[in-house]
């Protein structure tokens, strides 16, 4: 009986092994299949090894990231997932999980060359759940603004305007001056012209009114937004626009200088996704930023192009991030604190 019992157990173990081994192999292969190896290369060498990643809501995506040439970065637009550095010859593991179906953009977050902007890919997430809500229509479209047409300030200050000095005139300003719609849809120069035409402000000098405009613009930017905008600008914009906003970043040196007079609306040479055509404008030139509204800047950031080779950032930045960048851009034209009178930068 003991031998028969032992034989039965041996048979049972053999059956379990016959069933279990394939199951273990299946689970192992399933786990390996769930890990995607993603290689980053400069766009001239092929860019991302995979341009489209399929995923399901709530199911983790395991990625093994490496670079085949220079240092790259990996980030997912409109996501809280932190950007990762991808080093040549080394692997970095990360896991992504999405709660909403829709299309997400992954991109290189380290400036890796002149065509860095081409390093974009798509994560297509399917499954149950509320899809990513569509973006509202950008204000520049609602207002019919041609973001390709030259926009320069009709008037400029004789010195750099100061929000700190402008606070002295805050109590004299009309109520409309602080309306959000006025700020979004008008350039600083247009607001200056409107205020300058008010007879009850006739006692103010032209520079006083510019200081008041700088103060108005500061009221629409919180310190937190300015900090966020500065960080986003440094990471994503400074390589072309320059740390100080002069349009002299390392990625555009040697390119022709941007000249808005050479552009006409509907120009067939316009390339909305960018080709590194010319260096960007100098934001410290008061004719540049003081002539454009936040709505126009929003359009430029969302869509890119404008014949300058600027990438499109619509699928990368959230609406809040775009507004933060815009708020920071105006600091190239306005001082935030009170400054002694001096020539405009």
Protein backbone atom coordinates (compact mmCIF):
# COMPACT_ATOMS: atom_id res chain seq x y z
CA UNK A 1 0.00 0.00 0.00
CA UNK A 2 2.81 2.36 0.82
CA UNK A 3 4.31 1.82 -2.63
CA UNK A 4 0.93 2.42 -4.29
CA UNK A 5 0.44 5.64 -2.30
CA UNK A 6 3.90 6.83 -3.21
CA UNK A 7 3.21 6.05 -6.85
CA UNK A 8 -0.01 8.06 -6.73
CA UNK A 9 1.82 11.06 -5.29
CA UNK A 10 4.47 10.79 -7.95
CA UNK A 11 1.79 10.75 -10.65
CA UNK A 12 0.05 13.75 -9.05
CA UNK A 13 3.34 15.70 -8.89
CA UNK A 14 4.09 14.86 -12.49
CA UNK A 15 0.66 16.08 -13.56
CA UNK A 16 1.06 19.29 -11.56
CA UNK A 17 4.49 19.86 -13.08
CA UNK A 18 3.14 19.23 -16.57
CA UNK A 19 0.45 21.85 -16.00
CA UNK A 20 2.46 24.26 -13.84
CA UNK A 21 5.59 24.63 -15.94
CA UNK A 22 3.73 25.98 -19.00
CA UNK A 23 1.74 28.32 -16.75
CA UNK A 24 4.90 29.68 -15.17
CA UNK A 25 6.42 30.12 -18.60
CA UNK A 26 3.30 31.91 -19.79
CA UNK A 27 3.36 34.31 -16.85
CA UNK A 28 7.05 34.98 -17.33
CA UNK A 29 6.59 35.67 -21.03
CA UNK A 30 3.58 37.86 -20.23
CA UNK A 31 5.68 39.90 -17.82
CA UNK A 32 8.49 40.24 -20.32
CA UNK A 33 6.05 41.29 -23.04
CA UNK A 34 4.71 44.01 -20.74
CA UNK A 35 8.16 45.62 -20.55
CA UNK A 36 8.93 47.74 -23.59
CA UNK A 37 12.52 48.64 -24.41
CA UNK A 38 12.65 52.14 -25.84
CA UNK A 39 15.80 53.51 -27.48
CA UNK A 40 16.39 57.23 -27.92
CA UNK A 41 18.47 58.51 -30.81
CA UNK A 42 19.02 61.95 -32.25
CA UNK A 43 16.34 62.65 -34.87
CA UNK A 44 18.95 62.45 -37.63
CA UNK A 45 19.58 58.85 -36.48
CA UNK A 46 15.95 57.81 -36.27
CA UNK A 47 14.58 59.39 -33.08
CA UNK A 48 12.60 57.08 -30.79
CA UNK A 49 12.79 53.40 -31.66
CA UNK A 50 9.03 53.17 -31.03
CA UNK A 51 6.75 56.06 -32.00
CA UNK A 52 3.43 54.66 -30.79
CA UNK A 53 2.82 52.82 -27.51
CA UNK A 54 -0.45 51.00 -26.86
CA UNK A 55 -1.84 50.96 -23.32
CA UNK A 56 -5.03 50.30 -21.37
CA UNK A 57 -6.62 52.33 -18.60
CA UNK A 58 -5.34 51.28 -15.20
CA UNK A 59 -2.78 48.82 -16.54
CA UNK A 60 0.87 49.75 -15.88
CA UNK A 61 3.29 50.19 -18.77
CA UNK A 62 6.82 49.13 -17.91
CA UNK A 63 9.51 50.90 -19.94
CA UNK A 64 13.26 50.32 -20.17
CA UNK A 65 14.82 53.46 -21.56
CA UNK A 66 18.27 53.91 -23.02
CA UNK A 67 20.13 56.22 -25.38
CA UNK A 68 22.14 55.08 -28.37
CA UNK A 69 24.07 58.34 -28.76
CA UNK A 70 23.78 61.46 -26.56
CA UNK A 71 21.94 62.31 -23.36
CA UNK A 72 18.20 62.48 -23.95
CA UNK A 73 15.21 62.94 -21.69
CA UNK A 74 11.84 61.23 -21.44
CA UNK A 75 8.69 63.06 -20.38
CA UNK A 76 4.95 62.72 -20.91
CA UNK A 77 3.05 65.87 -21.79
CA UNK A 78 0.27 67.07 -19.48
CA UNK A 79 1.33 64.54 -16.89
CA UNK A 80 2.66 64.59 -13.34
CA UNK A 81 5.19 61.92 -14.26
CA UNK A 82 8.66 63.45 -13.68
CA UNK A 83 11.02 63.86 -16.62
CA UNK A 84 13.82 61.29 -16.72
CA UNK A 85 17.37 61.60 -18.04
CA UNK A 86 18.35 58.85 -20.47
CA UNK A 87 22.08 58.21 -20.53
CA UNK A 88 24.01 56.56 -23.37
CA UNK A 89 24.57 52.84 -22.77
CA UNK A 90 22.59 52.80 -19.52
CA UNK A 91 19.05 51.62 -18.84
CA UNK A 92 16.45 53.52 -16.83
CA UNK A 93 13.28 51.71 -15.78
CA UNK A 94 9.99 53.49 -15.26
CA UNK A 95 6.32 52.59 -14.99
CA UNK A 96 3.39 54.61 -16.33
CA UNK A 97 -0.28 54.20 -15.49
CA UNK A 98 -3.10 56.21 -17.06
CA UNK A 99 -6.54 56.73 -15.54
CA UNK A 100 -8.21 58.18 -18.63
CA UNK A 101 -8.38 56.94 -22.21
CA UNK A 102 -6.97 59.19 -24.90
CA UNK A 103 -3.76 60.12 -26.67
CA UNK A 104 -0.77 61.33 -24.69
CA UNK A 105 2.46 62.74 -26.12
CA UNK A 106 5.86 61.60 -24.92
CA UNK A 107 8.88 63.64 -25.90
CA UNK A 108 12.56 64.26 -25.33
CA UNK A 109 13.04 66.80 -22.54
CA UNK A 110 16.77 67.38 -23.14
CA UNK A 111 17.89 69.52 -26.07
CA UNK A 112 19.77 66.98 -28.14
CA UNK A 113 20.24 68.78 -31.46
CA UNK A 114 18.78 71.16 -34.00
CA UNK A 115 15.84 68.81 -34.71
CA UNK A 116 15.20 68.00 -31.06
CA UNK A 117 11.56 69.01 -31.47
CA UNK A 118 10.99 66.01 -33.75
CA UNK A 119 11.44 63.59 -30.84
CA UNK A 120 7.76 63.12 -30.10
CA UNK A 121 5.73 59.96 -29.79
CA UNK A 122 2.18 58.94 -28.86
CA UNK A 123 0.79 56.76 -26.09
CA UNK A 124 -2.66 55.55 -27.13
CA UNK A 125 -4.66 54.60 -24.04
CA UNK A 126 -7.90 52.66 -24.51
CA UNK A 127 -10.44 51.30 -22.05
CA UNK A 128 -13.30 52.40 -19.88
CA UNK A 129 -13.46 55.76 -18.18
CA UNK A 130 -14.05 59.39 -18.99
CA UNK A 131 -11.84 60.36 -21.94
CA UNK A 132 -9.51 63.33 -21.76
CA UNK A 133 -11.78 66.34 -22.25
CA UNK A 134 -11.11 68.26 -25.47
CA UNK A 135 -9.27 71.53 -25.13
CA UNK A 136 -11.44 74.64 -25.28
CA UNK A 137 -11.08 76.73 -28.39
CA UNK A 138 -7.98 78.93 -27.95
CA UNK A 139 -8.74 82.60 -27.48
CA UNK A 140 -6.70 83.63 -30.51
CA UNK A 141 -9.12 81.68 -32.71
CA UNK A 142 -12.16 83.18 -31.01
CA UNK A 143 -10.73 86.65 -31.54
CA UNK A 144 -9.63 85.95 -35.11
CA UNK A 145 -5.99 86.84 -34.40
CA UNK A 146 -3.54 86.01 -37.17
CA UNK A 147 -0.62 84.71 -35.12
CA UNK A 148 1.57 84.61 -38.23
CA UNK A 149 1.21 88.30 -39.05
CA UNK A 150 3.81 90.76 -37.70
CA UNK A 151 2.75 92.23 -34.36
CA UNK A 152 4.92 95.08 -33.13
CA UNK A 153 4.12 97.71 -30.52
CA UNK A 154 2.73 101.00 -31.86
CA UNK A 155 4.34 102.79 -28.93
CA UNK A 156 7.11 101.84 -26.50
CA UNK A 157 8.31 103.28 -23.19
CA UNK A 158 11.29 105.57 -22.95
CA UNK A 159 12.56 103.40 -20.11
CA UNK A 160 11.82 99.94 -18.77
CA UNK A 161 8.46 100.09 -17.03
CA UNK A 162 8.25 99.09 -13.38
CA UNK A 163 5.27 97.43 -11.71
CA UNK A 164 6.61 98.65 -8.38
CA UNK A 165 6.38 102.27 -9.49
CA UNK A 166 3.06 101.60 -11.22
CA UNK A 167 1.49 100.55 -7.92
CA UNK A 168 1.57 104.24 -6.94
CA UNK A 169 -1.06 104.95 -9.60
CA UNK A 170 -3.26 101.91 -9.01
CA UNK A 171 -6.02 103.86 -7.26
CA UNK A 172 -6.35 106.19 -10.25
CA UNK A 173 -6.93 103.48 -12.84
CA UNK A 174 -10.38 102.75 -14.29
CA UNK A 175 -12.06 99.50 -13.31
CA UNK A 176 -11.78 98.01 -16.80
CA UNK A 177 -7.98 98.14 -16.61
CA UNK A 178 -7.91 95.06 -14.37
CA UNK A 179 -10.50 93.01 -16.24
CA UNK A 180 -9.20 89.61 -17.28
CA UNK A 181 -10.61 89.91 -20.79
CA UNK A 182 -8.83 93.22 -21.32
CA UNK A 183 -5.53 91.67 -20.26
CA UNK A 184 -5.92 88.55 -22.38
CA UNK A 185 -7.05 90.20 -25.60
CA UNK A 186 -4.88 93.32 -25.67
CA UNK A 187 -1.18 94.00 -25.94
CA UNK A 188 0.44 96.20 -23.30
CA UNK A 189 0.84 98.89 -25.97
CA UNK A 190 -2.90 98.89 -26.74
CA UNK A 191 -3.77 99.16 -23.05
CA UNK A 192 -1.30 102.03 -22.75
CA UNK A 193 -2.97 103.84 -25.67
CA UNK A 194 -6.39 103.40 -24.09
CA UNK A 195 -5.24 104.68 -20.72
CA UNK A 196 -3.32 107.54 -22.28
CA UNK A 197 -6.55 108.70 -23.91
CA UNK A 198 -8.33 108.99 -20.54
CA UNK A 199 -8.58 112.66 -19.60
CA UNK A 200 -8.61 111.91 -15.87
CA UNK A 201 -5.10 110.45 -16.23
CA UNK A 202 -3.72 113.50 -18.01
CA UNK A 203 -1.64 114.41 -14.97
CA UNK A 204 0.42 111.25 -15.44
CA UNK A 205 3.44 111.26 -17.71
CA UNK A 206 3.83 108.74 -20.51
CA UNK A 207 6.29 106.77 -18.40
CA UNK A 208 3.89 106.86 -15.45
CA UNK A 209 1.24 105.22 -17.61
CA UNK A 210 3.72 102.57 -18.74
CA UNK A 211 4.50 101.84 -15.10
CA UNK A 212 0.76 101.49 -14.49
CA UNK A 213 0.53 99.01 -17.39
CA UNK A 214 3.40 97.00 -15.90
CA UNK A 215 1.51 96.91 -12.59
CA UNK A 216 -1.66 95.74 -14.37
CA UNK A 217 0.24 92.89 -16.03
CA UNK A 218 1.75 91.89 -12.69
CA UNK A 219 -1.73 91.55 -11.15
CA UNK A 220 -2.49 88.69 -13.55
CA UNK A 221 0.52 86.61 -12.48
CA UNK A 222 0.93 84.99 -9.07
CA UNK A 223 4.44 84.39 -7.69
CA UNK A 224 3.80 80.65 -8.02
CA UNK A 225 2.88 81.03 -11.70
CA UNK A 226 5.97 83.12 -12.38
CA UNK A 227 8.18 80.51 -10.71
CA UNK A 228 6.54 77.73 -12.72
CA UNK A 229 6.84 79.75 -15.92
CA UNK A 230 10.52 80.42 -15.30
CA UNK A 231 11.22 76.71 -14.78
CA UNK A 232 9.27 75.71 -17.89
CA UNK A 233 11.02 78.38 -19.93
CA UNK A 234 14.48 77.31 -18.75
CA UNK A 235 13.78 73.65 -19.57
CA UNK A 236 11.90 73.99 -22.84
CA UNK A 237 12.51 77.43 -24.34
CA UNK A 238 15.90 78.84 -23.34
CA UNK A 239 17.87 76.65 -25.74
CA UNK A 240 16.46 78.75 -28.59
CA UNK A 241 15.15 81.94 -26.99
CA UNK A 242 18.16 82.33 -24.69
CA UNK A 243 18.27 82.53 -20.92
CA UNK A 244 17.76 86.29 -21.01
CA UNK A 245 15.17 86.18 -23.80
CA UNK A 246 17.39 87.78 -26.45
CA UNK A 247 16.81 85.00 -29.00
CA UNK A 248 20.43 83.88 -28.80
CA UNK A 249 20.10 80.34 -27.43
CA UNK A 250 22.72 77.72 -28.23
CA UNK A 251 20.43 75.89 -30.67
CA UNK A 252 19.92 78.87 -32.99
CA UNK A 253 23.35 80.43 -33.14
CA UNK A 254 24.39 81.10 -36.71
CA UNK A 255 20.82 81.20 -38.03
CA UNK A 256 19.47 84.32 -39.78
CA UNK A 257 17.90 86.88 -37.44
CA UNK A 258 14.11 86.88 -37.25
CA UNK A 259 12.57 89.70 -39.30
CA UNK A 260 8.76 90.01 -39.03
CA UNK A 261 8.63 92.35 -42.03
CA UNK A 262 9.60 89.46 -44.29
CA UNK A 263 6.49 87.48 -43.37
CA UNK A 264 3.07 87.85 -44.94
CA UNK A 265 -0.04 86.04 -43.81
CA UNK A 266 -0.54 82.88 -45.83
CA UNK A 267 3.10 82.77 -46.88
CA UNK A 268 3.58 79.43 -48.65
CA UNK A 269 7.00 79.02 -47.07
CA UNK A 270 5.46 78.98 -43.60
CA UNK A 271 6.07 75.68 -41.83
CA UNK A 272 3.82 75.31 -38.76
CA UNK A 273 5.78 72.44 -37.24
CA UNK A 274 9.13 74.17 -37.52
CA UNK A 275 12.35 73.49 -39.37
CA UNK A 276 14.85 75.72 -37.57
CA UNK A 277 14.48 78.45 -40.19
CA UNK A 278 15.60 81.56 -38.31
CA UNK A 279 16.54 82.61 -34.81
CA UNK A 280 13.62 83.81 -32.64
CA UNK A 281 12.88 87.46 -31.82
CA UNK A 282 14.55 89.40 -29.04
CA UNK A 283 12.06 89.54 -26.17
CA UNK A 284 14.02 92.35 -24.52
CA UNK A 285 13.19 94.61 -27.48
CA UNK A 286 10.12 96.53 -26.25
CA UNK A 287 8.62 96.49 -29.74
CA UNK A 288 8.28 92.71 -29.55
CA UNK A 289 6.48 91.66 -26.36
CA UNK A 290 4.75 94.99 -25.74
CA UNK A 291 3.03 94.59 -29.11
CA UNK A 292 1.50 91.16 -28.48
CA UNK A 293 -1.41 90.07 -26.32
CA UNK A 294 -1.47 87.03 -24.03
CA UNK A 295 -4.02 85.51 -26.44
CA UNK A 296 -1.57 85.80 -29.32
CA UNK A 297 1.29 84.34 -27.27
CA UNK A 298 -0.97 81.46 -26.26
CA UNK A 299 -1.60 80.73 -29.93
CA UNK A 300 2.10 80.80 -30.76
CA UNK A 301 2.91 78.40 -27.92
CA UNK A 302 0.08 76.00 -28.75
CA UNK A 303 0.68 75.85 -32.48
CA UNK A 304 4.34 76.76 -32.96
CA UNK A 305 5.68 77.61 -36.37
CA UNK A 306 5.43 81.26 -37.43
CA UNK A 307 8.27 80.62 -39.86
CA UNK A 308 10.83 80.58 -37.05
CA UNK A 309 11.11 76.81 -36.55
CA UNK A 310 9.39 76.96 -33.15
CA UNK A 311 7.96 73.58 -32.04
CA UNK A 312 4.28 73.22 -31.14
CA UNK A 313 3.68 72.84 -27.40
CA UNK A 314 -0.09 72.28 -27.39
CA UNK A 315 0.05 68.57 -26.49
CA UNK A 316 2.90 69.13 -24.03
CA UNK A 317 1.82 71.98 -21.74
CA UNK A 318 -1.42 72.28 -19.78
CA UNK A 319 -3.43 75.50 -20.06
CA UNK A 320 -2.11 76.57 -16.66
CA UNK A 321 1.48 75.95 -17.74
CA UNK A 322 1.00 77.97 -20.93
CA UNK A 323 -0.36 80.91 -18.94
CA UNK A 324 2.56 80.60 -16.52
CA UNK A 325 5.07 80.77 -19.39
CA UNK A 326 3.27 83.80 -20.83
CA UNK A 327 3.39 85.58 -17.48
CA UNK A 328 7.11 84.90 -17.25
CA UNK A 329 7.78 86.13 -20.79
CA UNK A 330 6.49 89.60 -19.96
CA UNK A 331 9.13 89.91 -17.24
CA UNK A 332 11.63 90.44 -20.07
CA UNK A 333 9.86 93.75 -20.75
CA UNK A 334 8.71 94.82 -17.28
CA UNK A 335 10.48 95.17 -13.94
CA UNK A 336 8.47 93.61 -11.15
CA UNK A 337 9.85 95.77 -8.35
CA UNK A 338 10.31 99.51 -8.11
CA UNK A 339 13.35 100.60 -10.08
CA UNK A 340 15.02 103.99 -10.47
CA UNK A 341 14.22 105.78 -13.70
CA UNK A 342 16.59 104.69 -16.43
CA UNK A 343 16.73 103.94 -20.15
CA UNK A 344 14.68 101.07 -21.51
CA UNK A 345 16.54 97.79 -21.95
